[in-house]
Amino acid sequence: MPNNIAVLGGGSWGIAVANLLNMNGNNVSIWEFNPADFESLVENRQNKIKLPGVIIPDRIEIYKDLAQAAKGRSIICLAIPSHTVADVCEQLDTLGLEKGITFLNLAKGIDTKRLMRMSEVIVDGIKHADYANVATLSGPSHAEEVARGMPTSVVIGCSDEDRAGFLRDIFSNHFFRAYSSPDIIGVETGGAFKNVIAIASGILDGLDGGDNGKGALFTRGLAEISRLGVAMGANPLTFAGLSGLGDLVTTCISRHSRNRTFGEKIGKGLSFEGAMAEMTMVVEGVKATEAAYKLMSEYKIEMPIAVQVHEILFNSKDPQSALLDLMTRDLKSEF
């Protein structure tokens, strides 16, 4: 039986997910809050700026009214920037949603004000949401490739393993393979904090730091992410999986990665403000860096790469000086 699914967000990821779920035989709606973007989506059946050439099938309904988009839907996917999730949840909570709805978070970020993961934000904001019916999808999944049917594997985390398995089944097809995991903490922390390392990767590219440096950055960056995630309650094995190592490597090397691209602009000499002005989509790693800096102090752990990225972004530290400080830290055992 087809599922009735609302995808909140008409950006590149929202369109890619909506098209995928429609292809898999589900009844799908898209909600786009920006009036101009909504009109453009209805008129052109595509997002010409963020995902040009990818057509939204006529079978997918597009709404600017949240209540209409969510009405009668058993699954609500939040494909919106992490900093907007709390506000949208407040709006959803006023709609009188029925119990039992599944909420699937697609954002990779942290609420920097409350230092909450996205599933925590959803549970906090919607009265009928709890950890059994809130899940997060993460992993190496650039919208540009998913939308064009390129092979992709992801992981869906949920404390309710049956629900995670159900979502895994409705997302999977011949080019998109989903796995399930009960470790939603690990899935969310890996997805959020790899963006910090992706910014560092871009900075290193901008400095022409070479392949040796990139390999070291991936490895030590993953160590930092794992250290923080485990302190927050995650299973360490999760970081060797799709939402950890898989997403980290992809985001750090891909031409589609907005976080890597943003970092490269800074490495080549642009200021924080100058680099942000050239970006057309949200750079989630900026807020994730702020959150990592706060959380490392709260959990009393070391994250030297995250510290240097924070110094570059928020205190205008010279990237070359930051790299030198990383390379000349006190020597120690690797593990």
C-alpha atoms as a PDB file:
ATOM      1  CA  MET A   1       0.000   0.000   0.000  1.00  0.00           C
ATOM      2  CA  PRO A   2       1.308   3.493  -0.811  1.00  0.00           C
ATOM      3  CA  ASN A   3       2.151   5.743   2.128  1.00  0.00           C
ATOM      4  CA  ASN A   4       0.960   9.338   2.397  1.00  0.00           C
ATOM      5  CA  ILE A   5       4.088  11.405   2.946  1.00  0.00           C
ATOM      6  CA  ALA A   6       4.763  15.128   3.347  1.00  0.00           C
ATOM      7  CA  VAL A   7       8.230  16.482   2.565  1.00  0.00           C
ATOM      8  CA  LEU A   8       8.780  19.843   4.213  1.00  0.00           C
ATOM      9  CA  GLY A   9      11.212  21.900   2.171  1.00  0.00           C
ATOM     10  CA  GLY A  10      11.431  22.536  -1.560  1.00  0.00           C
ATOM     11  CA  GLY A  11      15.202  22.826  -1.763  1.00  0.00           C
ATOM     12  CA  SER A  12      17.505  20.363  -3.488  1.00  0.00           C
ATOM     13  CA  TRP A  13      17.318  17.695  -0.779  1.00  0.00           C
ATOM     14  CA  GLY A  14      13.560  18.009  -0.336  1.00  0.00           C
ATOM     15  CA  ILE A  15      12.966  17.605  -4.065  1.00  0.00           C
ATOM     16  CA  ALA A  16      15.362  14.661  -4.330  1.00  0.00           C
ATOM     17  CA  VAL A  17      13.643  12.859  -1.434  1.00  0.00           C
ATOM     18  CA  ALA A  18      10.139  13.663  -2.678  1.00  0.00           C
ATOM     19  CA  ASN A  19      10.963  12.356  -6.163  1.00  0.00           C
ATOM     20  CA  LEU A  20      12.528   9.215  -4.697  1.00  0.00           C
ATOM     21  CA  LEU A  21       9.518   8.449  -2.516  1.00  0.00           C
ATOM     22  CA  ASN A  22       7.169   9.158  -5.409  1.00  0.00           C
ATOM     23  CA  MET A  23       9.179   6.787  -7.623  1.00  0.00           C
ATOM     24  CA  ASN A  24       8.762   4.140  -4.925  1.00  0.00           C
ATOM     25  CA  GLY A  25       4.975   4.360  -5.237  1.00  0.00           C
ATOM     26  CA  ASN A  26       4.039   6.692  -2.387  1.00  0.00           C
ATOM     27  CA  ASN A  27       1.642   9.662  -2.358  1.00  0.00           C
ATOM     28  CA  VAL A  28       3.880  12.667  -1.756  1.00  0.00           C
ATOM     29  CA  SER A  29       3.390  16.372  -1.078  1.00  0.00           C
ATOM     30  CA  ILE A  30       6.012  19.131  -0.852  1.00  0.00           C
ATOM     31  CA  TRP A  31       5.715  22.206   1.356  1.00  0.00           C
ATOM     32  CA  GLU A  32       7.710  25.306   0.423  1.00  0.00           C
ATOM     33  CA  PHE A  33       7.421  28.224   2.849  1.00  0.00           C
ATOM     34  CA  ASN A  34       9.049  30.915   0.690  1.00  0.00           C
ATOM     35  CA  PRO A  35       6.306  32.467  -1.499  1.00  0.00           C
ATOM     36  CA  ALA A  36       8.615  33.249  -4.434  1.00  0.00           C
ATOM     37  CA  ASP A  37      10.171  29.772  -4.360  1.00  0.00           C
ATOM     38  CA  PHE A  38       6.729  28.209  -4.108  1.00  0.00           C
ATOM     39  CA  GLU A  39       5.503  30.085  -7.188  1.00  0.00           C
ATOM     40  CA  SER A  40       8.618  29.074  -9.098  1.00  0.00           C
ATOM     41  CA  LEU A  41       8.235  25.404  -8.134  1.00  0.00           C
ATOM     42  CA  VAL A  42       4.590  25.360  -9.242  1.00  0.00           C
ATOM     43  CA  GLU A  43       5.325  27.140 -12.499  1.00  0.00           C
ATOM     44  CA  ASN A  44       8.518  25.339 -13.483  1.00  0.00           C
ATOM     45  CA  ARG A  45       8.177  22.017 -11.589  1.00  0.00           C
ATOM     46  CA  GLN A  46      11.862  22.332 -10.645  1.00  0.00           C
ATOM     47  CA  ASN A  47      14.206  24.394  -8.496  1.00  0.00           C
ATOM     48  CA  LYS A  48      16.212  26.141 -11.209  1.00  0.00           C
ATOM     49  CA  ILE A  49      18.830  27.465  -8.795  1.00  0.00           C
ATOM     50  CA  LYS A  50      19.440  24.597  -6.383  1.00  0.00           C
ATOM     51  CA  LEU A  51      18.597  21.552  -8.534  1.00  0.00           C
ATOM     52  CA  PRO A  52      18.277  22.603 -12.178  1.00  0.00           C
ATOM     53  CA  GLY A  53      16.964  20.075 -14.669  1.00  0.00           C
ATOM     54  CA  VAL A  54      15.386  17.767 -12.078  1.00  0.00           C
ATOM     55  CA  ILE A  55      11.639  17.805 -12.758  1.00  0.00           C
ATOM     56  CA  ILE A  56       9.062  17.298 -10.018  1.00  0.00           C
ATOM     57  CA  PRO A  57       6.406  14.901 -11.358  1.00  0.00           C
ATOM     58  CA  ASP A  58       2.860  16.257 -11.633  1.00  0.00           C
ATOM     59  CA  ARG A  59       1.733  13.544  -9.220  1.00  0.00           C
ATOM     60  CA  ILE A  60       3.557  15.347  -6.394  1.00  0.00           C
ATOM     61  CA  GLU A  61       1.426  18.111  -4.895  1.00  0.00           C
ATOM     62  CA  ILE A  62       3.170  21.356  -3.944  1.00  0.00           C
ATOM     63  CA  TYR A  63       1.770  23.553  -1.162  1.00  0.00           C
ATOM     64  CA  LYS A  64       2.656  26.836   0.477  1.00  0.00           C
ATOM     65  CA  ASP A  65       0.246  26.145   3.337  1.00  0.00           C
ATOM     66  CA  LEU A  66       1.763  23.813   5.938  1.00  0.00           C
ATOM     67  CA  ALA A  67      -1.607  22.484   7.125  1.00  0.00           C
ATOM     68  CA  GLN A  68      -2.575  21.444   3.608  1.00  0.00           C
ATOM     69  CA  ALA A  69       0.759  19.750   2.977  1.00  0.00           C
ATOM     70  CA  ALA A  70       0.639  17.798   6.262  1.00  0.00           C
ATOM     71  CA  LYS A  71      -3.066  16.901   6.279  1.00  0.00           C
ATOM     72  CA  GLY A  72      -3.693  13.165   6.206  1.00  0.00           C
ATOM     73  CA  ARG A  73      -0.002  12.269   6.058  1.00  0.00           C
ATOM     74  CA  SER A  74       1.342   9.358   8.077  1.00  0.00           C
ATOM     75  CA  ILE A  75       4.986  10.359   7.557  1.00  0.00           C
ATOM     76  CA  ILE A  76       6.370  13.892   7.742  1.00  0.00           C
ATOM     77  CA  CYS A  77       9.923  14.399   6.458  1.00  0.00           C
ATOM     78  CA  LEU A  78      11.713  17.561   7.552  1.00  0.00           C
ATOM     79  CA  ALA A  79      14.068  18.502   4.693  1.00  0.00           C
ATOM     80  CA  ILE A  80      14.764  21.990   6.014  1.00  0.00           C
ATOM     81  CA  PRO A  81      17.891  23.668   7.446  1.00  0.00           C
ATOM     82  CA  SER A  82      18.604  22.650  11.033  1.00  0.00           C
ATOM     83  CA  HIS A  83      18.207  26.190  12.375  1.00  0.00           C
ATOM     84  CA  THR A  84      14.586  26.291  11.134  1.00  0.00           C
ATOM     85  CA  VAL A  85      13.472  22.931  12.555  1.00  0.00           C
ATOM     86  CA  ALA A  86      12.364  24.328  15.949  1.00  0.00           C
ATOM     87  CA  ASP A  87      10.150  27.011  14.375  1.00  0.00           C
ATOM     88  CA  VAL A  88       8.553  24.564  11.934  1.00  0.00           C
ATOM     89  CA  CYS A  89       7.873  22.107  14.769  1.00  0.00           C
ATOM     90  CA  GLU A  90       6.063  24.862  16.640  1.00  0.00           C
ATOM     91  CA  GLN A  91       3.868  25.364  13.583  1.00  0.00           C
ATOM     92  CA  LEU A  92       3.251  21.632  13.214  1.00  0.00           C
ATOM     93  CA  ASP A  93       2.226  21.406  16.854  1.00  0.00           C
ATOM     94  CA  THR A  94      -0.634  23.855  16.259  1.00  0.00           C
ATOM     95  CA  LEU A  95      -2.159  21.699  13.490  1.00  0.00           C
ATOM     96  CA  GLY A  96      -3.705  19.060  15.728  1.00  0.00           C
ATOM     97  CA  LEU A  97      -1.754  16.215  14.158  1.00  0.00           C
ATOM     98  CA  GLU A  98      -2.928  12.701  14.896  1.00  0.00           C
ATOM     99  CA  LYS A  99      -0.976  10.386  17.164  1.00  0.00           C
ATOM    100  CA  GLY A 100       1.238   7.801  15.535  1.00  0.00           C
ATOM    101  CA  ILE A 101       2.676   9.998  12.783  1.00  0.00           C
ATOM    102  CA  THR A 102       6.295   9.250  11.944  1.00  0.00           C
ATOM    103  CA  PHE A 103       8.615  12.258  11.856  1.00  0.00           C
ATOM    104  CA  LEU A 104      11.755  11.785   9.798  1.00  0.00           C
ATOM    105  CA  ASN A 105      14.507  14.372  10.176  1.00  0.00           C
ATOM    106  CA  LEU A 106      16.688  14.919   7.112  1.00  0.00           C
ATOM    107  CA  ALA A 107      18.733  17.844   8.469  1.00  0.00           C
ATOM    108  CA  LYS A 108      22.363  17.428   9.539  1.00  0.00           C
ATOM    109  CA  GLY A 109      22.880  19.928  12.303  1.00  0.00           C
ATOM    110  CA  ILE A 110      22.622  20.896  15.955  1.00  0.00           C
ATOM    111  CA  ASP A 111      20.424  23.480  17.680  1.00  0.00           C
ATOM    112  CA  THR A 112      23.194  25.831  18.801  1.00  0.00           C
ATOM    113  CA  LYS A 113      21.084  27.690  21.372  1.00  0.00           C
ATOM    114  CA  ARG A 114      20.053  24.595  23.325  1.00  0.00           C
ATOM    115  CA  LEU A 115      22.767  22.190  22.083  1.00  0.00           C
ATOM    116  CA  MET A 116      20.091  19.708  21.067  1.00  0.00           C
ATOM    117  CA  ARG A 117      20.152  17.125  18.308  1.00  0.00           C
ATOM    118  CA  MET A 118      17.402  17.381  15.692  1.00  0.00           C
ATOM    119  CA  SER A 119      15.370  14.463  17.091  1.00  0.00           C
ATOM    120  CA  GLU A 120      15.454  16.185  20.494  1.00  0.00           C
ATOM    121  CA  VAL A 121      14.238  19.416  18.908  1.00  0.00           C
ATOM    122  CA  ILE A 122      11.331  17.586  17.252  1.00  0.00           C
ATOM    123  CA  VAL A 123      10.325  15.773  20.439  1.00  0.00           C
ATOM    124  CA  ASP A 124      10.534  19.026  22.378  1.00  0.00           C
ATOM    125  CA  GLY A 125       8.436  20.941  19.853  1.00  0.00           C
ATOM    126  CA  ILE A 126       5.628  18.544  18.923  1.00  0.00           C
ATOM    127  CA  LYS A 127       3.407  17.084  21.636  1.00  0.00           C
ATOM    128  CA  HIS A 128       2.698  13.827  19.760  1.00  0.00           C
ATOM    129  CA  ALA A 129       6.359  13.243  18.945  1.00  0.00           C
ATOM    130  CA  ASP A 130       8.466  10.933  21.076  1.00  0.00           C
ATOM    131  CA  TYR A 131      11.672   9.029  20.536  1.00  0.00           C
ATOM    132  CA  ALA A 132       9.778   5.975  19.260  1.00  0.00           C
ATOM    133  CA  ASN A 133       8.261   7.831  16.304  1.00  0.00           C
ATOM    134  CA  VAL A 134      11.097  10.235  15.448  1.00  0.00           C
ATOM    135  CA  ALA A 135      13.893   9.072  13.145  1.00  0.00           C
ATOM    136  CA  THR A 136      16.849  10.606  11.309  1.00  0.00           C
ATOM    137  CA  LEU A 137      18.218   9.722   7.879  1.00  0.00           C
ATOM    138  CA  SER A 138      21.901  10.399   7.299  1.00  0.00           C
ATOM    139  CA  GLY A 139      24.880   9.234   5.272  1.00  0.00           C
ATOM    140  CA  PRO A 140      26.691  10.190   2.042  1.00  0.00           C
ATOM    141  CA  SER A 141      23.733  11.438   0.017  1.00  0.00           C
ATOM    142  CA  HIS A 142      24.225  14.567  -2.054  1.00  0.00           C
ATOM    143  CA  ALA A 143      20.893  15.646  -3.500  1.00  0.00           C
ATOM    144  CA  GLU A 144      22.440  16.260  -6.920  1.00  0.00           C
ATOM    145  CA  GLU A 145      23.286  12.557  -7.220  1.00  0.00           C
ATOM    146  CA  VAL A 146      20.202  11.077  -5.536  1.00  0.00           C
ATOM    147  CA  ALA A 147      17.967  13.134  -7.815  1.00  0.00           C
ATOM    148  CA  ARG A 148      19.694  11.631 -10.848  1.00  0.00           C
ATOM    149  CA  GLY A 149      19.483   8.019  -9.699  1.00  0.00           C
ATOM    150  CA  MET A 150      23.149   7.556  -8.828  1.00  0.00           C
ATOM    151  CA  PRO A 151      23.999   4.727  -6.382  1.00  0.00           C
ATOM    152  CA  THR A 152      23.558   5.872  -2.788  1.00  0.00           C
ATOM    153  CA  SER A 153      23.487   4.195   0.621  1.00  0.00           C
ATOM    154  CA  VAL A 154      22.247   5.809   3.842  1.00  0.00           C
ATOM    155  CA  VAL A 155      21.324   4.844   7.388  1.00  0.00           C
ATOM    156  CA  ILE A 156      18.088   5.586   9.238  1.00  0.00           C
ATOM    157  CA  GLY A 157      18.387   5.866  13.006  1.00  0.00           C
ATOM    158  CA  CYS A 158      15.472   5.370  15.390  1.00  0.00           C
ATOM    159  CA  SER A 159      15.170   3.945  18.895  1.00  0.00           C
ATOM    160  CA  ASP A 160      12.192   1.932  17.611  1.00  0.00           C
ATOM    161  CA  GLU A 161      13.927  -0.622  15.392  1.00  0.00           C
ATOM    162  CA  ASP A 162      10.652  -1.679  13.730  1.00  0.00           C
ATOM    163  CA  ARG A 163       9.987   1.904  12.664  1.00  0.00           C
ATOM    164  CA  ALA A 164      13.544   2.272  11.400  1.00  0.00           C
ATOM    165  CA  GLY A 165      13.076  -0.916   9.395  1.00  0.00           C
ATOM    166  CA  PHE A 166       9.770   0.328   7.976  1.00  0.00           C
ATOM    167  CA  LEU A 167      11.381   3.579   6.807  1.00  0.00           C
ATOM    168  CA  ARG A 168      14.345   1.651   5.430  1.00  0.00           C
ATOM    169  CA  ASP A 169      11.975  -0.404   3.291  1.00  0.00           C
ATOM    170  CA  ILE A 170       9.979   2.474   1.804  1.00  0.00           C
ATOM    171  CA  PHE A 171      13.109   4.449   0.878  1.00  0.00           C
ATOM    172  CA  SER A 172      15.056   1.621  -0.747  1.00  0.00           C
ATOM    173  CA  ASN A 173      15.067   0.777  -4.454  1.00  0.00           C
ATOM    174  CA  HIS A 174      17.527  -0.271  -7.159  1.00  0.00           C
ATOM    175  CA  PHE A 175      19.824   2.760  -6.718  1.00  0.00           C
ATOM    176  CA  PHE A 176      19.028   3.969  -3.185  1.00  0.00           C
ATOM    177  CA  ARG A 177      19.844   1.534  -0.372  1.00  0.00           C
ATOM    178  CA  ALA A 178      18.924   2.299   3.235  1.00  0.00           C
ATOM    179  CA  TYR A 179      20.131   0.567   6.382  1.00  0.00           C
ATOM    180  CA  SER A 180      18.559   0.835   9.828  1.00  0.00           C
ATOM    181  CA  SER A 181      20.172   1.560  13.199  1.00  0.00           C
ATOM    182  CA  PRO A 182      18.902   1.923  16.773  1.00  0.00           C
ATOM    183  CA  ASP A 183      21.690   4.450  17.474  1.00  0.00           C
ATOM    184  CA  ILE A 184      20.038   7.729  16.543  1.00  0.00           C
ATOM    185  CA  ILE A 185      22.530   9.653  18.705  1.00  0.00           C
ATOM    186  CA  GLY A 186      25.446   8.374  16.646  1.00  0.00           C
ATOM    187  CA  VAL A 187      23.613   8.868  13.352  1.00  0.00           C
ATOM    188  CA  GLU A 188      22.840  12.496  14.203  1.00  0.00           C
ATOM    189  CA  THR A 189      26.185  13.472  15.719  1.00  0.00           C
ATOM    190  CA  GLY A 190      28.118  11.948  12.832  1.00  0.00           C
ATOM    191  CA  GLY A 191      25.947  13.747  10.294  1.00  0.00           C
ATOM    192  CA  ALA A 192      26.223  17.103  12.048  1.00  0.00           C
ATOM    193  CA  PHE A 193      29.872  17.268  13.018  1.00  0.00           C
ATOM    194  CA  LYS A 194      31.373  15.904   9.803  1.00  0.00           C
ATOM    195  CA  ASN A 195      30.455  19.314   8.393  1.00  0.00           C
ATOM    196  CA  VAL A 196      33.033  20.904  10.706  1.00  0.00           C
ATOM    197  CA  ILE A 197      35.735  18.661   9.262  1.00  0.00           C
ATOM    198  CA  ALA A 198      34.423  19.344   5.743  1.00  0.00           C
ATOM    199  CA  ILE A 199      35.035  23.067   6.274  1.00  0.00           C
ATOM    200  CA  ALA A 200      38.546  22.205   7.467  1.00  0.00           C
ATOM    201  CA  SER A 201      39.005  20.042   4.373  1.00  0.00           C
ATOM    202  CA  GLY A 202      38.050  22.938   2.132  1.00  0.00           C
ATOM    203  CA  ILE A 203      40.416  25.260   3.960  1.00  0.00           C
ATOM    204  CA  LEU A 204      43.203  22.736   3.434  1.00  0.00           C
ATOM    205  CA  ASP A 205      42.350  22.572  -0.279  1.00  0.00           C
ATOM    206  CA  GLY A 206      42.449  26.346  -0.455  1.00  0.00           C
ATOM    207  CA  LEU A 207      45.905  26.269   1.112  1.00  0.00           C
ATOM    208  CA  ASP A 208      46.985  23.573  -1.374  1.00  0.00           C
ATOM    209  CA  GLY A 209      47.663  21.290   1.580  1.00  0.00           C
ATOM    210  CA  GLY A 210      48.055  18.075  -0.419  1.00  0.00           C
ATOM    211  CA  ASP A 211      46.834  14.507  -0.153  1.00  0.00           C
ATOM    212  CA  ASN A 212      48.889  13.540   2.897  1.00  0.00           C
ATOM    213  CA  GLY A 213      47.297  16.329   4.880  1.00  0.00           C
ATOM    214  CA  LYS A 214      43.838  15.383   3.667  1.00  0.00           C
ATOM    215  CA  GLY A 215      44.282  11.779   4.781  1.00  0.00           C
ATOM    216  CA  ALA A 216      45.426  12.916   8.215  1.00  0.00           C
ATOM    217  CA  LEU A 217      42.508  15.342   8.454  1.00  0.00           C
ATOM    218  CA  PHE A 218      39.941  12.623   7.685  1.00  0.00           C
ATOM    219  CA  THR A 219      41.437  10.283  10.265  1.00  0.00           C
ATOM    220  CA  ARG A 220      41.929  12.744  13.091  1.00  0.00           C
ATOM    221  CA  GLY A 221      38.638  14.452  12.270  1.00  0.00           C
ATOM    222  CA  LEU A 222      36.784  11.160  12.618  1.00  0.00           C
ATOM    223  CA  ALA A 223      38.546  10.628  15.965  1.00  0.00           C
ATOM    224  CA  GLU A 224      37.197  13.980  17.183  1.00  0.00           C
ATOM    225  CA  ILE A 225      33.664  13.274  15.977  1.00  0.00           C
ATOM    226  CA  SER A 226      33.709   9.822  17.599  1.00  0.00           C
ATOM    227  CA  ARG A 227      35.071  11.223  20.854  1.00  0.00           C
ATOM    228  CA  LEU A 228      32.261  13.758  21.086  1.00  0.00           C
ATOM    229  CA  GLY A 229      29.556  11.344  19.926  1.00  0.00           C
ATOM    230  CA  VAL A 230      30.521   8.683  22.456  1.00  0.00           C
ATOM    231  CA  ALA A 231      30.528  11.306  25.222  1.00  0.00           C
ATOM    232  CA  MET A 232      26.959  12.176  24.171  1.00  0.00           C
ATOM    233  CA  GLY A 233      25.891   8.522  24.385  1.00  0.00           C
ATOM    234  CA  ALA A 234      26.515   7.118  20.897  1.00  0.00           C
ATOM    235  CA  ASN A 235      27.765   3.656  19.979  1.00  0.00           C
ATOM    236  CA  PRO A 236      31.395   4.042  18.794  1.00  0.00           C
ATOM    237  CA  LEU A 237      30.814   1.539  15.966  1.00  0.00           C
ATOM    238  CA  THR A 238      28.320   3.914  14.344  1.00  0.00           C
ATOM    239  CA  PHE A 239      31.169   6.242  13.384  1.00  0.00           C
ATOM    240  CA  ALA A 240      32.746   3.531  11.249  1.00  0.00           C
ATOM    241  CA  GLY A 241      29.492   3.403   9.256  1.00  0.00           C
ATOM    242  CA  LEU A 242      27.630   5.462   6.691  1.00  0.00           C
ATOM    243  CA  SER A 243      26.725   8.393   8.929  1.00  0.00           C
ATOM    244  CA  GLY A 244      30.287   8.556  10.225  1.00  0.00           C
ATOM    245  CA  LEU A 245      33.179   7.633   7.945  1.00  0.00           C
ATOM    246  CA  GLY A 246      30.992   7.393   4.829  1.00  0.00           C
ATOM    247  CA  ASP A 247      29.478  10.852   5.109  1.00  0.00           C
ATOM    248  CA  LEU A 248      32.727  12.383   6.340  1.00  0.00           C
ATOM    249  CA  VAL A 249      34.793  11.295   3.345  1.00  0.00           C
ATOM    250  CA  THR A 250      32.115  12.182   0.806  1.00  0.00           C
ATOM    251  CA  THR A 251      31.500  15.637   2.236  1.00  0.00           C
ATOM    252  CA  CYS A 252      35.211  16.390   2.508  1.00  0.00           C
ATOM    253  CA  ILE A 253      36.033  15.564  -1.130  1.00  0.00           C
ATOM    254  CA  SER A 254      32.881  16.282  -3.126  1.00  0.00           C
ATOM    255  CA  ARG A 255      32.416  19.197  -5.507  1.00  0.00           C
ATOM    256  CA  HIS A 256      28.765  19.164  -4.377  1.00  0.00           C
ATOM    257  CA  SER A 257      29.693  19.833  -0.730  1.00  0.00           C
ATOM    258  CA  ARG A 258      28.739  23.356   0.262  1.00  0.00           C
ATOM    259  CA  ASN A 259      30.771  23.036   3.495  1.00  0.00           C
ATOM    260  CA  ARG A 260      33.963  22.013   1.682  1.00  0.00           C
ATOM    261  CA  THR A 261      33.390  24.726  -0.938  1.00  0.00           C
ATOM    262  CA  PHE A 262      32.873  27.348   1.761  1.00  0.00           C
ATOM    263  CA  GLY A 263      36.087  26.275   3.507  1.00  0.00           C
ATOM    264  CA  GLU A 264      38.049  26.394   0.256  1.00  0.00           C
ATOM    265  CA  LYS A 265      37.006  30.003  -0.293  1.00  0.00           C
ATOM    266  CA  ILE A 266      38.368  30.885   3.147  1.00  0.00           C
ATOM    267  CA  GLY A 267      41.571  28.927   2.519  1.00  0.00           C
ATOM    268  CA  LYS A 268      42.082  30.958  -0.641  1.00  0.00           C
ATOM    269  CA  GLY A 269      41.876  34.205   1.283  1.00  0.00           C
ATOM    270  CA  LEU A 270      38.239  35.265   1.496  1.00  0.00           C
ATOM    271  CA  SER A 271      36.924  36.484   4.824  1.00  0.00           C
ATOM    272  CA  PHE A 272      34.106  34.666   6.607  1.00  0.00           C
ATOM    273  CA  GLU A 273      31.640  37.278   5.374  1.00  0.00           C
ATOM    274  CA  GLY A 274      33.017  37.206   1.850  1.00  0.00           C
ATOM    275  CA  ALA A 275      32.798  33.428   1.612  1.00  0.00           C
ATOM    276  CA  MET A 276      29.248  33.389   3.008  1.00  0.00           C
ATOM    277  CA  ALA A 277      28.174  36.010   0.478  1.00  0.00           C
ATOM    278  CA  GLU A 278      29.181  33.693  -2.373  1.00  0.00           C
ATOM    279  CA  MET A 279      27.172  30.705  -1.076  1.00  0.00           C
ATOM    280  CA  THR A 280      23.673  30.069  -2.459  1.00  0.00           C
ATOM    281  CA  MET A 281      22.721  27.407   0.117  1.00  0.00           C
ATOM    282  CA  VAL A 282      22.977  27.065   3.896  1.00  0.00           C
ATOM    283  CA  VAL A 283      26.411  26.074   5.217  1.00  0.00           C
ATOM    284  CA  GLU A 284      25.384  23.853   8.134  1.00  0.00           C
ATOM    285  CA  GLY A 285      28.979  23.426   9.300  1.00  0.00           C
ATOM    286  CA  VAL A 286      29.189  27.003  10.578  1.00  0.00           C
ATOM    287  CA  LYS A 287      26.610  26.422  13.299  1.00  0.00           C
ATOM    288  CA  ALA A 288      27.924  22.885  13.861  1.00  0.00           C
ATOM    289  CA  THR A 289      31.365  24.391  14.581  1.00  0.00           C
ATOM    290  CA  GLU A 290      29.817  26.707  17.147  1.00  0.00           C
ATOM    291  CA  ALA A 291      27.996  23.769  18.749  1.00  0.00           C
ATOM    292  CA  ALA A 292      31.091  21.537  18.773  1.00  0.00           C
ATOM    293  CA  TYR A 293      33.097  24.278  20.490  1.00  0.00           C
ATOM    294  CA  LYS A 294      30.487  24.537  23.255  1.00  0.00           C
ATOM    295  CA  LEU A 295      29.985  20.788  23.629  1.00  0.00           C
ATOM    296  CA  MET A 296      33.686  19.969  23.880  1.00  0.00           C
ATOM    297  CA  SER A 297      33.852  22.237  26.911  1.00  0.00           C
ATOM    298  CA  GLU A 298      30.697  20.741  28.410  1.00  0.00           C
ATOM    299  CA  TYR A 299      31.974  17.174  28.013  1.00  0.00           C
ATOM    300  CA  LYS A 300      35.614  18.097  28.745  1.00  0.00           C
ATOM    301  CA  ILE A 301      37.077  16.493  25.631  1.00  0.00           C
ATOM    302  CA  GLU A 302      39.706  17.627  23.146  1.00  0.00           C
ATOM    303  CA  MET A 303      38.764  18.585  19.581  1.00  0.00           C
ATOM    304  CA  PRO A 304      41.805  20.472  18.239  1.00  0.00           C
ATOM    305  CA  ILE A 305      40.620  20.587  14.607  1.00  0.00           C
ATOM    306  CA  ALA A 306      37.224  21.939  15.625  1.00  0.00           C
ATOM    307  CA  VAL A 307      38.954  24.525  17.822  1.00  0.00           C
ATOM    308  CA  GLN A 308      41.046  25.808  14.914  1.00  0.00           C
ATOM    309  CA  VAL A 309      38.051  25.928  12.566  1.00  0.00           C
ATOM    310  CA  HIS A 310      36.209  27.906  15.247  1.00  0.00           C
ATOM    311  CA  GLU A 311      39.129  30.328  15.541  1.00  0.00           C
ATOM    312  CA  ILE A 312      39.237  30.845  11.773  1.00  0.00           C
ATOM    313  CA  LEU A 313      35.486  31.376  11.400  1.00  0.00           C
ATOM    314  CA  PHE A 314      34.692  33.403  14.505  1.00  0.00           C
ATOM    315  CA  ASN A 315      37.974  35.066  15.485  1.00  0.00           C
ATOM    316  CA  SER A 316      39.476  35.724  12.016  1.00  0.00           C
ATOM    317  CA  LYS A 317      42.536  33.541  12.636  1.00  0.00           C
ATOM    318  CA  ASP A 318      44.824  33.149   9.635  1.00  0.00           C
ATOM    319  CA  PRO A 319      44.254  29.622   8.169  1.00  0.00           C
ATOM    320  CA  GLN A 320      47.978  29.029   7.640  1.00  0.00           C
ATOM    321  CA  SER A 321      48.644  29.857  11.294  1.00  0.00           C
ATOM    322  CA  ALA A 322      45.856  27.498  12.345  1.00  0.00           C
ATOM    323  CA  LEU A 323      47.393  24.690  10.298  1.00  0.00           C
ATOM    324  CA  LEU A 324      50.817  25.345  11.843  1.00  0.00           C
ATOM    325  CA  ASP A 325      49.333  25.255  15.348  1.00  0.00           C
ATOM    326  CA  LEU A 326      47.726  21.883  14.610  1.00  0.00           C
ATOM    327  CA  MET A 327      50.924  20.399  13.237  1.00  0.00           C
ATOM    328  CA  THR A 328      53.094  21.613  16.144  1.00  0.00           C
ATOM    329  CA  ARG A 329      50.914  20.481  19.045  1.00  0.00           C
ATOM    330  CA  ASP A 330      52.566  18.380  21.759  1.00  0.00           C
ATOM    331  CA  LEU A 331      53.405  14.911  20.435  1.00  0.00           C
ATOM    332  CA  LYS A 332      51.401  12.006  21.850  1.00  0.00           C
ATOM    333  CA  SER A 333      50.296   8.414  21.295  1.00  0.00           C
ATOM    334  CA  GLU A 334      47.723   7.991  18.514  1.00  0.00           C
ATOM    335  CA  PHE A 335      45.294   5.999  20.672  1.00  0.00           C
END
